[in-house]
Protein backbone atom coordinates (compact mmCIF):
# COMPACT_ATOMS: atom_id res chain seq x y z
CA MET A 1 -78.39 201.42 -124.22
CA ILE A 2 -76.39 203.87 -122.11
CA GLU A 3 -76.77 201.66 -119.06
CA SER A 4 -75.39 198.65 -120.90
CA VAL A 5 -72.37 200.62 -122.17
CA VAL A 6 -71.65 201.87 -118.65
CA GLY A 7 -72.01 198.34 -117.32
CA ILE A 8 -69.60 196.95 -119.90
CA ALA A 9 -67.10 199.74 -119.18
CA LEU A 10 -67.35 199.04 -115.45
CA ILE A 11 -66.72 195.34 -116.01
CA ILE A 12 -63.65 196.16 -118.13
CA VAL A 13 -62.29 198.48 -115.42
CA VAL A 14 -62.83 195.82 -112.75
CA LEU A 15 -61.07 193.20 -114.88
CA ILE A 16 -58.12 195.53 -115.51
CA VAL A 17 -57.77 196.36 -111.82
CA ALA A 18 -58.06 192.69 -110.87
CA GLY A 19 -55.40 191.84 -113.42
CA LEU A 20 -53.04 194.50 -112.07
CA VAL A 21 -53.55 193.32 -108.49
CA ALA A 22 -52.92 189.71 -109.51
CA PHE A 23 -49.78 190.77 -111.41
CA ALA A 24 -48.47 192.69 -108.39
CA ALA A 25 -49.13 189.76 -106.04
CA ARG A 26 -47.49 187.25 -108.39
CA THR A 27 -44.47 189.52 -108.90
CA ALA A 28 -44.06 189.93 -105.13
CA ARG A 29 -44.09 186.16 -104.62
CA ARG A 30 -41.50 185.63 -107.35
CA VAL A 31 -39.28 188.40 -106.00
CA GLU A 32 -39.38 187.05 -102.47
CA ALA A 33 -38.47 183.59 -103.74
CA ALA A 34 -35.47 185.03 -105.60
CA VAL A 35 -34.43 187.45 -102.83
CA PRO A 36 -35.29 185.82 -99.47
CA PRO A 37 -34.47 187.17 -95.99
CA LEU A 38 -30.81 186.85 -95.01
CA GLY A 39 -30.99 187.14 -91.26
CA ARG A 40 -33.20 186.67 -88.24
CA PHE A 41 -36.34 188.34 -86.92
CA ILE A 42 -37.03 189.99 -83.58
CA ALA A 43 -40.19 191.55 -82.15
CA ILE A 44 -39.63 195.23 -81.30
CA ASP A 45 -42.37 197.73 -80.42
CA GLY A 46 -44.97 195.46 -81.96
CA GLU A 47 -43.07 195.13 -85.24
CA ARG A 48 -41.13 192.21 -86.72
CA ILE A 49 -37.64 193.50 -87.44
CA HIS A 50 -35.34 191.70 -89.88
CA TYR A 51 -31.62 191.94 -89.15
CA LEU A 52 -28.24 190.30 -89.71
CA ASP A 53 -25.83 190.13 -86.76
CA GLN A 54 -22.42 188.65 -87.55
CA GLY A 55 -18.75 189.44 -87.58
CA ASP A 56 -15.95 189.47 -85.05
CA SER A 57 -17.44 190.41 -81.66
CA SER A 58 -14.09 189.88 -79.89
CA ASN A 59 -12.51 193.12 -81.18
CA ALA A 60 -12.11 194.94 -77.85
CA ASN A 61 -10.56 198.06 -79.40
CA GLY A 62 -13.32 198.73 -81.90
CA PRO A 63 -17.00 199.44 -81.40
CA PRO A 64 -19.73 197.29 -82.90
CA LEU A 65 -21.21 198.66 -86.10
CA LEU A 66 -24.91 199.29 -86.76
CA LEU A 67 -25.67 199.93 -90.43
CA ILE A 68 -28.92 201.68 -91.47
CA HIS A 69 -29.94 201.82 -95.13
CA GLY A 70 -31.69 204.57 -97.07
CA LEU A 71 -34.96 205.22 -98.89
CA THR A 72 -36.38 202.23 -100.84
CA GLY A 73 -33.44 200.14 -99.59
CA GLN A 74 -32.81 197.24 -97.25
CA LEU A 75 -29.82 195.52 -95.64
CA ARG A 76 -28.66 193.88 -98.90
CA HIS A 77 -27.37 197.31 -99.89
CA PHE A 78 -24.63 196.60 -97.37
CA THR A 79 -24.16 192.84 -97.81
CA HIS A 80 -23.54 193.32 -101.54
CA SER A 81 -20.00 194.65 -101.14
CA LEU A 82 -19.34 196.47 -97.89
CA TYR A 83 -20.12 193.82 -95.30
CA ASP A 84 -17.29 191.46 -96.31
CA ARG A 85 -14.82 194.30 -95.77
CA LEU A 86 -15.97 194.84 -92.17
CA LYS A 87 -16.95 191.46 -90.72
CA ASN A 88 -13.42 190.31 -89.83
CA ASP A 89 -12.74 193.33 -87.63
CA TYR A 90 -16.06 194.24 -86.04
CA ARG A 91 -19.34 192.94 -84.84
CA VAL A 92 -21.55 194.11 -87.71
CA VAL A 93 -25.31 194.48 -87.39
CA LEU A 94 -27.41 195.26 -90.47
CA VAL A 95 -31.08 196.08 -90.05
CA ASP A 96 -34.07 196.59 -92.30
CA ARG A 97 -35.69 199.80 -91.10
CA PRO A 98 -39.37 199.45 -90.07
CA GLY A 99 -41.50 199.15 -93.22
CA SER A 100 -38.48 198.34 -95.40
CA GLY A 101 -37.11 195.07 -96.72
CA TYR A 102 -38.56 192.31 -94.57
CA SER A 103 -39.28 194.46 -91.49
CA THR A 104 -42.90 195.34 -90.80
CA ARG A 105 -44.55 198.62 -89.87
CA ALA A 106 -48.17 198.78 -88.78
CA PRO A 107 -50.40 201.12 -90.85
CA ARG A 108 -51.01 203.35 -87.83
CA THR A 109 -47.37 203.51 -86.71
CA PRO A 110 -45.78 206.82 -87.80
CA ALA A 111 -42.81 206.71 -90.17
CA THR A 112 -41.23 209.87 -88.76
CA LEU A 113 -37.50 209.92 -88.10
CA ALA A 114 -38.02 210.05 -84.34
CA VAL A 115 -40.30 207.01 -84.30
CA GLN A 116 -37.94 205.02 -86.53
CA ALA A 117 -35.00 206.02 -84.34
CA THR A 118 -36.90 204.91 -81.24
CA THR A 119 -37.53 201.48 -82.74
CA ILE A 120 -33.86 201.20 -83.74
CA ALA A 121 -32.80 202.20 -80.20
CA HIS A 122 -35.04 199.53 -78.68
CA PHE A 123 -33.73 197.02 -81.21
CA ALA A 124 -30.09 197.80 -80.34
CA GLU A 125 -30.84 197.44 -76.63
CA ALA A 126 -32.68 194.15 -77.17
CA ILE A 127 -29.72 192.51 -78.95
CA GLY A 128 -27.15 193.92 -76.51
CA LEU A 129 -25.55 196.32 -78.97
CA ASP A 130 -23.52 198.62 -76.76
CA ARG A 131 -22.80 202.17 -78.01
CA PRO A 132 -22.20 201.20 -81.64
CA LEU A 133 -20.72 203.30 -84.39
CA VAL A 134 -23.91 203.96 -86.34
CA VAL A 135 -23.39 203.94 -90.11
CA GLY A 136 -26.28 205.64 -91.90
CA HIS A 137 -26.64 205.88 -95.68
CA SER A 138 -28.93 208.47 -97.29
CA LEU A 139 -32.23 208.52 -95.34
CA GLY A 140 -30.52 206.10 -92.93
CA GLY A 141 -28.20 209.00 -92.12
CA ALA A 142 -31.18 211.09 -91.02
CA VAL A 143 -32.41 208.21 -88.86
CA ALA A 144 -28.90 207.86 -87.39
CA LEU A 145 -28.84 211.59 -86.54
CA SER A 146 -32.25 211.33 -84.89
CA LEU A 147 -30.98 208.35 -82.91
CA ALA A 148 -27.94 210.35 -81.76
CA LEU A 149 -30.05 213.37 -80.82
CA ASN A 150 -32.71 211.45 -78.91
CA PHE A 151 -30.65 208.56 -77.51
CA PRO A 152 -27.09 209.97 -77.23
CA GLU A 153 -26.14 207.51 -74.50
CA GLN A 154 -26.69 204.63 -76.93
CA VAL A 155 -24.50 205.97 -79.76
CA GLY A 156 -20.72 205.71 -79.78
CA GLY A 157 -20.31 207.69 -82.99
CA LEU A 158 -21.78 208.42 -86.41
CA ALA A 159 -20.36 207.49 -89.81
CA LEU A 160 -22.74 209.11 -92.30
CA ILE A 161 -22.54 208.18 -95.98
CA ALA A 162 -24.32 210.59 -98.37
CA PRO A 163 -26.73 211.45 -95.53
CA ALA A 164 -29.93 213.45 -95.59
CA THR A 165 -29.39 216.01 -92.82
CA HIS A 166 -31.69 218.93 -93.70
CA PRO A 167 -35.17 219.36 -95.20
CA PRO A 168 -34.96 218.75 -98.96
CA ARG A 169 -35.55 221.67 -101.28
CA ARG A 170 -37.32 219.29 -103.65
CA VAL A 171 -38.12 215.62 -103.99
CA PRO A 172 -35.71 213.98 -106.47
CA GLU A 173 -37.50 213.33 -109.75
CA VAL A 174 -36.92 209.57 -109.57
CA PHE A 175 -38.77 209.44 -106.24
CA GLY A 176 -41.64 211.69 -107.33
CA ALA A 177 -44.09 208.78 -107.68
CA LEU A 178 -43.63 208.00 -103.97
CA ASP A 179 -44.79 211.46 -102.89
CA ILE A 180 -48.38 210.40 -102.07
CA LYS A 181 -49.94 211.74 -98.88
CA SER A 182 -53.28 209.93 -99.06
CA ARG A 183 -53.19 206.47 -97.46
CA LEU A 184 -56.00 205.21 -99.71
CA LEU A 185 -54.42 206.51 -102.90
CA ARG A 186 -51.05 205.08 -101.84
CA LEU A 187 -52.62 201.65 -101.31
CA ILE A 188 -54.42 201.77 -104.67
CA VAL A 189 -51.29 202.80 -106.57
CA ALA A 190 -49.16 200.21 -104.77
CA TRP A 191 -51.43 197.34 -105.85
CA THR A 192 -52.15 198.52 -109.40
CA LEU A 193 -49.68 200.82 -111.16
CA ALA A 194 -46.55 200.75 -108.98
CA THR A 195 -45.20 197.34 -110.01
CA PRO A 196 -45.57 197.67 -113.82
CA LEU A 197 -44.30 201.27 -113.75
CA SER A 198 -41.33 200.25 -111.61
CA ILE A 199 -40.46 197.57 -114.16
CA ARG A 200 -40.80 200.02 -117.05
CA ASN A 201 -38.84 202.84 -115.38
CA GLY A 202 -36.37 200.71 -113.45
CA ALA A 203 -33.33 201.33 -115.64
CA HIS A 204 -33.79 205.11 -115.57
CA VAL A 205 -34.26 205.19 -111.80
CA LEU A 206 -31.22 203.02 -111.11
CA ASN A 207 -29.00 204.95 -113.52
CA THR A 208 -29.97 208.17 -111.75
CA VAL A 209 -29.59 206.84 -108.20
CA PHE A 210 -26.23 205.23 -108.96
CA GLY A 211 -25.02 207.74 -111.54
CA PRO A 212 -22.50 208.63 -112.67
CA ASP A 213 -21.27 205.29 -111.31
CA PRO A 214 -22.45 202.13 -113.11
CA VAL A 215 -25.19 199.95 -111.66
CA PRO A 216 -23.78 196.58 -110.51
CA SER A 217 -25.00 193.81 -112.81
CA ASP A 218 -26.09 191.69 -109.83
CA PHE A 219 -27.85 194.49 -107.96
CA GLY A 220 -31.31 193.01 -108.51
CA VAL A 221 -30.63 189.90 -106.42
CA ASN A 222 -27.45 190.44 -104.42
CA GLY A 223 -28.21 194.11 -103.79
CA GLY A 224 -31.90 193.46 -103.18
CA GLY A 225 -33.03 195.77 -105.97
CA LEU A 226 -35.84 193.45 -107.03
CA LEU A 227 -37.53 193.94 -103.66
CA THR A 228 -38.63 197.42 -104.80
CA LEU A 229 -41.17 195.71 -107.10
CA ARG A 230 -43.31 194.58 -104.16
CA PRO A 231 -46.41 196.64 -103.21
CA SER A 232 -45.28 196.60 -99.57
CA ASN A 233 -42.01 198.27 -100.57
CA PHE A 234 -43.87 201.03 -102.42
CA ILE A 235 -46.11 201.67 -99.42
CA GLY A 236 -43.21 201.70 -96.95
CA SER A 237 -41.02 203.91 -99.13
CA SER A 238 -43.85 206.36 -99.84
CA ARG A 239 -44.54 206.69 -96.13
CA ASP A 240 -40.81 207.17 -95.47
CA LEU A 241 -40.60 209.95 -98.06
CA VAL A 242 -43.71 211.78 -96.88
CA GLU A 243 -43.47 211.37 -93.11
CA SER A 244 -39.70 211.63 -92.65
CA ARG A 245 -39.94 215.27 -93.72
CA GLN A 246 -42.07 215.95 -90.65
CA LYS A 247 -39.92 217.39 -87.86
CA LEU A 248 -36.74 217.13 -89.98
CA ASP A 249 -36.58 220.91 -89.98
CA ASP A 250 -36.41 220.78 -86.16
CA MET A 251 -33.26 218.66 -86.11
CA PRO A 252 -30.59 221.04 -87.52
CA ALA A 253 -30.95 223.46 -84.59
CA ARG A 254 -29.99 220.60 -82.26
CA TYR A 255 -26.92 219.40 -84.16
CA LYS A 256 -24.67 221.68 -82.10
CA ASN A 257 -25.50 219.51 -79.08
CA LEU A 258 -23.92 216.40 -80.61
CA THR A 259 -20.70 215.47 -78.83
CA MET A 260 -19.89 212.00 -80.16
CA PRO A 261 -17.41 211.52 -83.06
CA ILE A 262 -19.12 212.25 -86.39
CA GLY A 263 -17.89 211.65 -89.91
CA ILE A 264 -19.43 212.33 -93.34
CA LEU A 265 -18.51 210.70 -96.65
CA PHE A 266 -20.12 212.24 -99.73
CA GLY A 267 -19.71 211.92 -103.50
CA THR A 268 -19.23 215.19 -105.38
CA ALA A 269 -21.41 213.93 -108.26
CA ASP A 270 -24.31 212.69 -106.10
CA GLN A 271 -27.51 213.11 -108.14
CA ILE A 272 -29.88 212.50 -105.22
CA LEU A 273 -28.51 214.59 -102.35
CA ASP A 274 -26.26 217.63 -102.63
CA PRO A 275 -23.26 217.76 -100.24
CA ALA A 276 -23.53 221.55 -100.18
CA SER A 277 -27.03 221.24 -98.71
CA HIS A 278 -26.60 218.18 -96.51
CA ALA A 279 -22.93 217.90 -95.50
CA GLU A 280 -21.56 221.42 -95.29
CA PRO A 281 -24.29 222.80 -92.96
CA LEU A 282 -23.67 219.93 -90.51
CA VAL A 283 -19.93 220.60 -90.66
CA ARG A 284 -20.58 224.25 -89.81
CA ALA A 285 -22.80 223.25 -86.90
CA VAL A 286 -20.35 220.67 -85.54
CA PRO A 287 -16.83 221.82 -86.48
CA ALA A 288 -15.20 218.59 -85.31
CA VAL A 289 -16.94 216.58 -88.05
CA ASP A 290 -14.61 214.43 -90.17
CA PHE A 291 -15.73 215.43 -93.69
CA GLU A 292 -14.48 213.60 -96.78
CA LEU A 293 -15.56 214.21 -100.37
CA VAL A 294 -15.14 211.49 -103.00
CA GLU A 295 -14.43 213.14 -106.32
CA GLY A 296 -16.82 212.08 -109.07
CA ALA A 297 -18.73 209.55 -106.93
CA GLY A 298 -22.49 209.18 -106.95
CA HIS A 299 -25.04 208.39 -104.26
CA MET A 300 -24.64 204.63 -103.86
CA ILE A 301 -21.08 204.63 -102.55
CA PRO A 302 -21.55 201.58 -100.28
CA LEU A 303 -21.98 199.49 -103.44
CA THR A 304 -19.82 201.36 -105.93
CA ASP A 305 -16.82 202.20 -103.72
CA PRO A 306 -16.96 199.80 -100.75
CA ASP A 307 -13.20 200.06 -100.13
CA ARG A 308 -13.44 203.82 -99.59
CA CYS A 309 -16.46 203.31 -97.32
CA ALA A 310 -14.70 200.61 -95.31
CA GLN A 311 -11.67 202.87 -94.82
CA PHE A 312 -13.93 205.71 -93.71
CA ILE A 313 -15.78 203.48 -91.24
CA ALA A 314 -12.51 202.12 -89.86
CA ARG A 315 -11.23 205.67 -89.34
CA MET A 316 -14.39 206.61 -87.47
CA ALA A 317 -14.20 203.39 -85.42
CA ARG A 318 -10.71 204.38 -84.29
CA ARG A 319 -12.06 207.77 -83.19
CA CYS A 320 -14.70 206.00 -81.11
CA ALA A 321 -12.29 203.48 -79.60
CA PRO A 322 -10.47 205.71 -77.05
CA ALA A 323 -13.74 206.51 -75.30
CA ARG A 324 -14.56 202.83 -75.04
CA VAL A 325 -11.28 201.29 -73.89
CA GLY A 326 -11.41 200.57 -70.16
CA SER A 327 -15.00 201.73 -69.93
CA PRO A 328 -17.63 199.49 -68.31
CA ALA A 329 -19.81 200.28 -71.30
CA CYS A 330 -17.45 198.20 -73.42
CA ALA A 331 -18.40 195.02 -71.63
CA GLU A 332 -20.49 192.57 -73.59
CA ARG A 333 -24.08 192.66 -72.35
CA THR A 334 -26.72 190.00 -72.29
CA PRO A 335 -29.45 190.76 -74.86
CA GLY A 336 -32.37 192.52 -73.23
CA THR A 337 -35.90 191.27 -72.88
CA ALA A 338 -37.50 193.92 -75.09
CA GLY A 339 -37.64 191.58 -78.06
CA GLN A 340 -38.20 187.98 -78.95
CA ILE A 341 -35.81 186.47 -81.49
CA SER A 342 -36.94 183.96 -84.09
């Protein structure tokens, strides 16, 4: 009798798990049909990197721009509103970080900031992106800082929007479900509970991440928000959250060595990252930082206040320009052989 009850219970559990896996797979297919890749793919360090490279490359007085998105994001965070305000004046390159959006990351490849920055550096070299102004949002700001620290010769300047610059005191509540250190548990959660829970909690998460600013009504498709429902996005974002904290505490001591132009744009009402913890310490370490606070703005400024972001980026581009004018480094280079474009 007991054996039969256990057997029935086991069958029920298997059916539930199979149903959750099937639901996650079907949701991922539907999401990818609704929100397809926007750009091209290139092989870098064994990964397939998705990027968009457009805009006015003839602007000799302004650097090219390399935009790096934050945690759980992808390049549509920039194409939603900000990209159109930049493309007529600069060569603009948007990239899905490894393991995010449509870019891959092998299970054994670390997701630390240094490794991500190395891949981004090799990517920039492969497409002939010469000393760009690197625009990093949120976790993308931490990757941009790692890029500047480890590959300073490849960075013309930094324009950091609500950046993570120091080890977090706590994981924001809305990202708590991503804080999984076990690879096996992360995989199980990604393919069973993550998708239905993301659907159920989506409104709360978005209202917190965007708050106090409103969430754009078209964020799901045009901002790529629906892509967070895929198991691969959960796995990549969880690894980003867990592994990016490794070595982050080593970076602040090196900030004083940064010599390129640096700017920070931060909302005073940011509910994800606190400017007092992430902007002000960097300003103290590098006094020449251009620091601008946006009164009452939240974390997702590239989507909620793209005009302010575009003005900030243009100001930082002008600071980079004098070092580039007349320099051989300004010359357009032939894309390198480190990657294969498809």
